[in-house]
Amino acid sequence: MKVSTVYRIGLIGAGIVLTGYLTGCNLKKKKEAAEAVEASFAVNTYRTAEGNLDDYLEFGGDVVAASVVNVYPDTSGKLSRVRVAVGDYVKKDQVIAYLDPSRPGMNYAESPVKAPVAGTITSFPLTIGATCAPAAAVAQISSTGKLEIQTNIAERFISRIKNGQKASVSFDAYPGHKFNATVFEVSPVLDTSTRTMRIKLRVDSAESYLKAGMYARVQLITEQISNAIIVPYDAILNREDGNYVFIVNRTGGNADGAAGIPGTVSLRQVKTGIHVDDKAEIVSGLASGQEIVTRGQTLLTDGAKVNIIATVDGSAK
């Protein structure tokens, strides 16, 4: 009877030990699985490539005629006849209107008003019967065949402006269409009241599209970088001691850019150049073809495991 009791107690003890062992194994496996899941981070990556990056200034300007001349009468009088309309092209010395210089009790012959230059009538605000004087213009003649863009640049930007710079110009009248332009005149002085400098740009091959008075949106190229390593700006981590990126090391030899591939990351310090919109130039620290993390990098540490969800190839852009 005593032996049987001891035997049963032994079996129960062995069962307890076995259950504890199995439970411990399961907990260990669960812990290891949890640690494995926690150590792997889902990220998006970007494969670097050499490219070009243009820094620019953006501002607005007005389309104006290259030449604008006011027409003044030779004598005072009332406008008696008008020979032209706005939009008409006139030749030099062509009569555009007549004035009647007569006064009460004195009658005089009509005095012609002649165009001082050839061009297009862009303004004729007076009507017949209006009183005119030599000090007031009766019309305006412009050379609409030669249009240009005029704008004023703030003083803090004048060191970045020079003749011959290229620009990209767009107009609200032609959405989605961009024109090329070139700076051909830079004012040697600043306007002391506005602290700005006037510049003029000539639009290339766009005369048929433009009209005087249109508003232009100008992107003036101030710096051009060629054959540089260009990366998304969001990929760069700004820290107190410098800028860093996470470089991806794919496991299993999977370096073909495919998604859904595990890997690890290495923290690398880089030196940056210019920053334009959502892109940045890398001066040193990266080579063409290296893969960096662009999303999910804020949670990473050096050597962390990652699971690559999507990859963008910079050379395909």
Protein backbone atom coordinates (compact mmCIF):
# COMPACT_ATOMS: atom_id res chain seq x y z
CA MET A 1 0.00 0.00 0.00
CA LYS A 2 2.81 2.36 0.85
CA VAL A 3 4.67 1.49 -2.34
CA SER A 4 1.60 2.26 -4.44
CA THR A 5 1.22 5.63 -2.77
CA VAL A 6 4.85 6.50 -3.33
CA TYR A 7 4.56 5.39 -6.92
CA ARG A 8 1.53 7.62 -7.53
CA ILE A 9 3.27 10.56 -5.90
CA GLY A 10 6.28 9.96 -8.13
CA LEU A 11 4.14 9.92 -11.26
CA ILE A 12 2.41 13.14 -10.26
CA GLY A 13 5.76 14.81 -9.58
CA ALA A 14 7.14 13.68 -12.92
CA GLY A 15 4.04 15.00 -14.64
CA ILE A 16 4.42 18.35 -12.97
CA VAL A 17 8.08 18.56 -13.97
CA LEU A 18 7.28 17.56 -17.57
CA THR A 19 4.41 20.07 -17.77
CA GLY A 20 6.68 22.80 -16.41
CA TYR A 21 9.38 21.90 -18.92
CA LEU A 22 6.96 21.91 -21.85
CA THR A 23 5.41 25.17 -20.68
CA GLY A 24 8.86 26.72 -20.37
CA CYS A 25 9.75 25.59 -23.89
CA ASN A 26 6.56 27.06 -25.30
CA LEU A 27 7.12 30.35 -23.49
CA LYS A 28 10.70 30.47 -24.76
CA LYS A 29 9.58 29.82 -28.33
CA LYS A 30 6.89 32.47 -28.06
CA LYS A 31 9.40 34.93 -26.63
CA GLU A 32 11.91 34.18 -29.41
CA ALA A 33 9.15 34.55 -32.02
CA ALA A 34 8.03 37.84 -30.48
CA GLU A 35 11.62 39.10 -30.42
CA ALA A 36 12.03 38.10 -34.07
CA VAL A 37 8.87 39.96 -35.04
CA GLU A 38 9.85 43.01 -33.02
CA ALA A 39 13.34 43.10 -34.52
CA SER A 40 12.12 43.19 -38.12
CA PHE A 41 10.88 46.55 -39.45
CA ALA A 42 8.90 47.12 -42.63
CA VAL A 43 10.61 49.78 -44.77
CA ASN A 44 10.54 51.36 -48.21
CA THR A 45 13.84 51.88 -49.98
CA TYR A 46 15.44 53.87 -52.80
CA ARG A 47 18.30 52.71 -55.02
CA THR A 48 20.58 55.70 -55.65
CA ALA A 49 21.75 56.83 -59.06
CA GLU A 50 23.54 59.82 -60.57
CA GLY A 51 21.31 62.63 -61.79
CA ASN A 52 20.95 66.37 -62.28
CA LEU A 53 19.52 68.85 -59.80
CA ASP A 54 18.63 72.47 -60.52
CA ASP A 55 18.21 75.05 -57.78
CA TYR A 56 15.91 77.94 -58.64
CA LEU A 57 14.15 81.10 -57.52
CA GLU A 58 10.42 81.39 -58.08
CA PHE A 59 8.63 84.70 -58.63
CA GLY A 60 6.03 86.43 -60.78
CA GLY A 61 6.39 88.95 -63.59
CA ASP A 62 4.45 90.83 -66.24
CA VAL A 63 4.59 90.44 -70.00
CA VAL A 64 5.28 93.85 -71.54
CA ALA A 65 6.15 95.19 -74.97
CA ALA A 66 9.85 95.76 -75.54
CA SER A 67 9.09 99.28 -76.75
CA VAL A 68 6.24 101.53 -75.59
CA VAL A 69 5.87 105.09 -76.93
CA ASN A 70 3.29 107.69 -75.91
CA VAL A 71 1.78 109.87 -78.64
CA TYR A 72 1.49 113.59 -77.85
CA PRO A 73 -0.28 116.26 -79.97
CA ASP A 74 1.58 119.33 -81.23
CA THR A 75 -1.10 121.76 -80.08
CA SER A 76 -4.08 122.07 -77.77
CA GLY A 77 -7.61 121.49 -78.96
CA LYS A 78 -10.55 119.14 -79.07
CA LEU A 79 -10.34 115.72 -80.62
CA SER A 80 -12.31 115.99 -83.85
CA ARG A 81 -11.49 112.78 -85.75
CA VAL A 82 -9.98 109.39 -84.88
CA ARG A 83 -8.40 107.36 -87.70
CA VAL A 84 -7.32 104.21 -85.80
CA ALA A 85 -8.55 101.72 -83.19
CA VAL A 86 -6.81 99.76 -80.47
CA GLY A 87 -5.00 96.82 -82.04
CA ASP A 88 -4.30 98.55 -85.39
CA TYR A 89 -0.78 98.55 -86.74
CA VAL A 90 0.49 102.00 -87.80
CA LYS A 91 3.55 103.20 -89.65
CA LYS A 92 5.85 106.01 -88.61
CA ASP A 93 4.33 109.48 -89.33
CA GLN A 94 0.91 107.94 -90.09
CA VAL A 95 -1.96 110.24 -89.04
CA ILE A 96 -3.92 108.60 -86.22
CA ALA A 97 -6.22 111.51 -85.25
CA TYR A 98 -7.06 115.19 -85.80
CA LEU A 99 -7.42 118.02 -83.31
CA ASP A 100 -9.52 121.17 -83.79
CA PRO A 101 -7.55 124.05 -82.23
CA SER A 102 -10.32 126.58 -82.91
CA ARG A 103 -11.41 128.97 -80.15
CA PRO A 104 -14.46 131.19 -79.79
CA GLY A 105 -14.30 133.80 -82.58
CA MET A 106 -11.25 132.09 -84.19
CA ASN A 107 -11.39 129.15 -86.59
CA TYR A 108 -8.29 127.15 -87.44
CA ALA A 109 -7.56 124.17 -89.65
CA GLU A 110 -7.45 120.75 -88.04
CA SER A 111 -4.08 119.69 -86.66
CA PRO A 112 -3.01 116.10 -87.41
CA VAL A 113 -1.65 113.81 -84.72
CA LYS A 114 1.05 111.54 -86.18
CA ALA A 115 2.56 108.30 -84.97
CA PRO A 116 6.18 108.94 -83.90
CA VAL A 117 7.13 105.26 -84.44
CA ALA A 118 5.77 102.18 -86.15
CA GLY A 119 3.89 99.73 -83.98
CA THR A 120 0.52 98.62 -82.66
CA ILE A 121 -1.97 100.94 -81.00
CA THR A 122 -2.33 99.50 -77.49
CA SER A 123 -4.14 102.42 -75.85
CA PHE A 124 -6.44 105.20 -77.10
CA PRO A 125 -8.51 106.30 -74.09
CA LEU A 126 -9.95 109.54 -75.52
CA THR A 127 -13.18 109.98 -77.46
CA ILE A 128 -14.21 112.62 -80.00
CA GLY A 129 -14.80 115.96 -78.30
CA ALA A 130 -12.23 115.41 -75.57
CA THR A 131 -9.86 118.26 -74.86
CA CYS A 132 -6.21 117.54 -75.57
CA ALA A 133 -2.96 119.30 -74.70
CA PRO A 134 0.69 118.78 -75.67
CA ALA A 135 1.49 117.61 -72.15
CA ALA A 136 -1.04 114.75 -72.20
CA ALA A 137 -0.71 111.58 -74.33
CA VAL A 138 -3.62 110.77 -76.62
CA ALA A 139 -2.49 107.24 -77.47
CA GLN A 140 0.16 104.61 -76.85
CA ILE A 141 2.07 102.62 -79.48
CA SER A 142 3.85 99.37 -78.59
CA SER A 143 6.07 96.92 -80.41
CA THR A 144 3.94 93.89 -79.63
CA GLY A 145 6.03 91.70 -81.90
CA LYS A 146 8.80 91.81 -79.29
CA LEU A 147 7.47 90.94 -75.87
CA GLU A 148 9.48 90.46 -72.71
CA ILE A 149 8.94 89.68 -69.03
CA GLN A 150 9.77 92.27 -66.43
CA THR A 151 10.01 91.53 -62.73
CA ASN A 152 11.67 92.82 -59.57
CA ILE A 153 14.01 90.68 -57.47
CA ALA A 154 14.39 91.17 -53.71
CA GLU A 155 17.75 92.51 -52.56
CA ARG A 156 18.68 89.28 -50.73
CA PHE A 157 18.65 87.35 -54.02
CA ILE A 158 20.60 89.72 -56.29
CA SER A 159 23.90 87.85 -55.80
CA ARG A 160 22.29 84.86 -57.56
CA ILE A 161 21.16 86.80 -60.65
CA LYS A 162 23.18 87.39 -63.83
CA ASN A 163 22.73 87.82 -67.57
CA GLY A 164 22.25 84.65 -69.58
CA GLN A 165 20.55 82.63 -66.85
CA LYS A 166 17.90 80.18 -68.01
CA ALA A 167 14.36 80.08 -66.70
CA SER A 168 11.16 78.10 -67.04
CA VAL A 169 8.02 80.22 -67.48
CA SER A 170 4.33 79.28 -67.22
CA PHE A 171 1.12 81.25 -67.73
CA ASP A 172 -2.36 80.79 -66.31
CA ALA A 173 -3.70 81.06 -69.86
CA TYR A 174 -1.79 77.89 -70.86
CA PRO A 175 -1.98 75.48 -67.90
CA GLY A 176 0.55 72.66 -68.00
CA HIS A 177 2.62 74.35 -70.70
CA LYS A 178 6.12 75.62 -69.90
CA PHE A 179 8.24 78.01 -71.96
CA ASN A 180 11.98 78.57 -71.91
CA ALA A 181 13.28 82.05 -71.18
CA THR A 182 16.63 83.80 -70.75
CA VAL A 183 17.68 86.80 -68.65
CA PHE A 184 18.99 89.49 -71.00
CA GLU A 185 19.02 92.61 -68.83
CA VAL A 186 19.83 93.17 -65.17
CA SER A 187 19.44 96.63 -63.68
CA PRO A 188 22.73 98.05 -62.30
CA VAL A 189 20.88 99.80 -59.45
CA LEU A 190 18.23 98.97 -56.85
CA ASP A 191 14.98 100.75 -56.23
CA THR A 192 15.61 102.37 -52.84
CA SER A 193 11.91 102.50 -51.98
CA THR A 194 11.22 98.76 -52.51
CA ARG A 195 14.78 97.38 -52.14
CA THR A 196 14.37 95.41 -55.35
CA MET A 197 16.27 95.07 -58.61
CA ARG A 198 14.54 94.93 -62.01
CA ILE A 199 15.42 92.21 -64.48
CA LYS A 200 14.10 91.38 -67.95
CA LEU A 201 13.67 87.99 -69.57
CA ARG A 202 13.10 87.08 -73.19
CA VAL A 203 10.81 84.13 -73.86
CA ASP A 204 12.02 81.73 -76.56
CA SER A 205 9.70 81.02 -79.51
CA ALA A 206 6.49 82.04 -77.76
CA GLU A 207 5.46 85.27 -79.48
CA SER A 208 2.31 83.73 -80.91
CA TYR A 209 1.17 82.67 -77.42
CA LEU A 210 1.88 85.81 -75.43
CA LYS A 211 0.03 89.06 -75.04
CA ALA A 212 1.15 92.19 -73.26
CA GLY A 213 -0.25 92.33 -69.74
CA MET A 214 -0.21 88.58 -69.09
CA TYR A 215 1.05 87.36 -65.71
CA ALA A 216 4.07 85.05 -65.81
CA ARG A 217 5.23 82.54 -63.20
CA VAL A 218 9.01 82.29 -63.45
CA GLN A 219 11.40 79.63 -62.16
CA LEU A 220 14.87 81.09 -62.59
CA ILE A 221 17.66 78.49 -62.54
CA THR A 222 20.40 79.75 -60.18
CA GLU A 223 22.52 76.61 -59.83
CA GLN A 224 22.83 73.42 -61.88
CA ILE A 225 24.34 70.23 -60.44
CA SER A 226 25.23 67.45 -62.89
CA ASN A 227 26.09 63.77 -62.30
CA ALA A 228 25.43 63.99 -58.57
CA ILE A 229 23.94 61.47 -56.15
CA ILE A 230 20.35 62.66 -55.66
CA VAL A 231 18.16 61.14 -52.94
CA PRO A 232 14.72 61.88 -51.46
CA TYR A 233 15.14 64.51 -48.75
CA ASP A 234 12.94 62.52 -46.34
CA ALA A 235 15.52 59.73 -46.31
CA ILE A 236 18.04 61.95 -44.49
CA LEU A 237 18.10 61.95 -40.68
CA ASN A 238 19.20 65.28 -39.25
CA ARG A 239 21.07 64.85 -35.98
CA GLU A 240 23.20 67.14 -33.84
CA ASP A 241 26.49 65.75 -35.13
CA GLY A 242 25.49 65.63 -38.81
CA ASN A 243 23.25 63.99 -41.39
CA TYR A 244 22.73 60.25 -41.69
CA VAL A 245 21.04 57.64 -43.87
CA PHE A 246 20.39 53.93 -43.39
CA ILE A 247 22.01 51.75 -46.05
CA VAL A 248 20.28 48.44 -46.79
CA ASN A 249 22.19 45.16 -46.87
CA ARG A 250 19.99 42.55 -48.52
CA THR A 251 20.37 38.97 -47.27
CA GLY A 252 20.65 35.89 -49.41
CA GLY A 253 22.26 37.77 -52.29
CA ASN A 254 18.99 39.45 -53.25
CA ALA A 255 20.39 42.73 -54.54
CA ASP A 256 18.22 42.99 -57.61
CA GLY A 257 15.82 45.53 -56.08
CA ALA A 258 12.94 43.10 -55.57
CA ALA A 259 10.45 43.85 -52.81
CA GLY A 260 9.49 41.51 -49.96
CA ILE A 261 13.13 40.68 -49.22
CA PRO A 262 14.62 40.67 -45.69
CA GLY A 263 17.85 42.45 -44.87
CA THR A 264 19.73 44.58 -42.36
CA VAL A 265 20.67 48.24 -42.28
CA SER A 266 23.83 50.19 -41.53
CA LEU A 267 23.85 53.76 -40.29
CA ARG A 268 26.02 55.96 -42.53
CA GLN A 269 26.94 59.62 -42.08
CA VAL A 270 26.68 61.69 -45.28
CA LYS A 271 27.50 65.20 -46.39
CA THR A 272 24.69 67.00 -48.17
CA GLY A 273 24.73 69.72 -50.83
CA ILE A 274 21.80 71.72 -52.16
CA HIS A 275 18.21 70.91 -51.24
CA VAL A 276 15.54 71.53 -53.88
CA ASP A 277 11.88 70.69 -53.22
CA ASP A 278 11.81 67.03 -52.09
CA LYS A 279 15.32 66.14 -53.32
CA ALA A 280 18.78 66.57 -51.86
CA GLU A 281 22.31 66.28 -53.21
CA ILE A 282 24.70 63.91 -51.43
CA VAL A 283 28.27 65.22 -51.71
CA SER A 284 29.96 62.33 -49.91
CA GLY A 285 29.09 59.16 -48.02
CA LEU A 286 27.05 57.41 -50.71
CA ALA A 287 27.82 55.79 -54.04
CA SER A 288 25.60 55.22 -57.03
CA GLY A 289 23.64 51.98 -56.78
CA GLN A 290 23.49 51.81 -53.00
CA GLU A 291 20.07 51.23 -51.46
CA ILE A 292 18.84 53.48 -48.64
CA VAL A 293 15.73 53.51 -46.44
CA THR A 294 13.21 56.22 -47.30
CA ARG A 295 10.28 55.26 -45.05
CA GLY A 296 10.35 53.65 -41.62
CA GLN A 297 13.90 54.80 -40.80
CA THR A 298 12.97 56.77 -37.69
CA LEU A 299 12.58 53.55 -35.66
CA LEU A 300 15.76 51.88 -36.92
CA THR A 301 19.11 51.42 -35.23
CA ASP A 302 22.44 50.38 -36.71
CA GLY A 303 22.28 46.68 -37.63
CA ALA A 304 18.50 46.39 -37.32
CA LYS A 305 16.65 43.79 -39.35
CA VAL A 306 14.22 45.04 -41.98
CA ASN A 307 11.66 43.67 -44.38
CA ILE A 308 11.72 45.60 -47.66
CA ILE A 309 8.16 46.34 -48.77
CA ALA A 310 8.80 48.48 -51.86
CA THR A 311 11.83 49.81 -53.72
CA VAL A 312 12.18 52.76 -56.09
CA ASP A 313 15.03 52.69 -58.60
CA GLY A 314 16.52 56.18 -59.00
CA SER A 315 18.08 55.31 -62.35
CA ALA A 316 14.60 54.69 -63.82
CA LYS A 317 13.53 58.33 -63.36
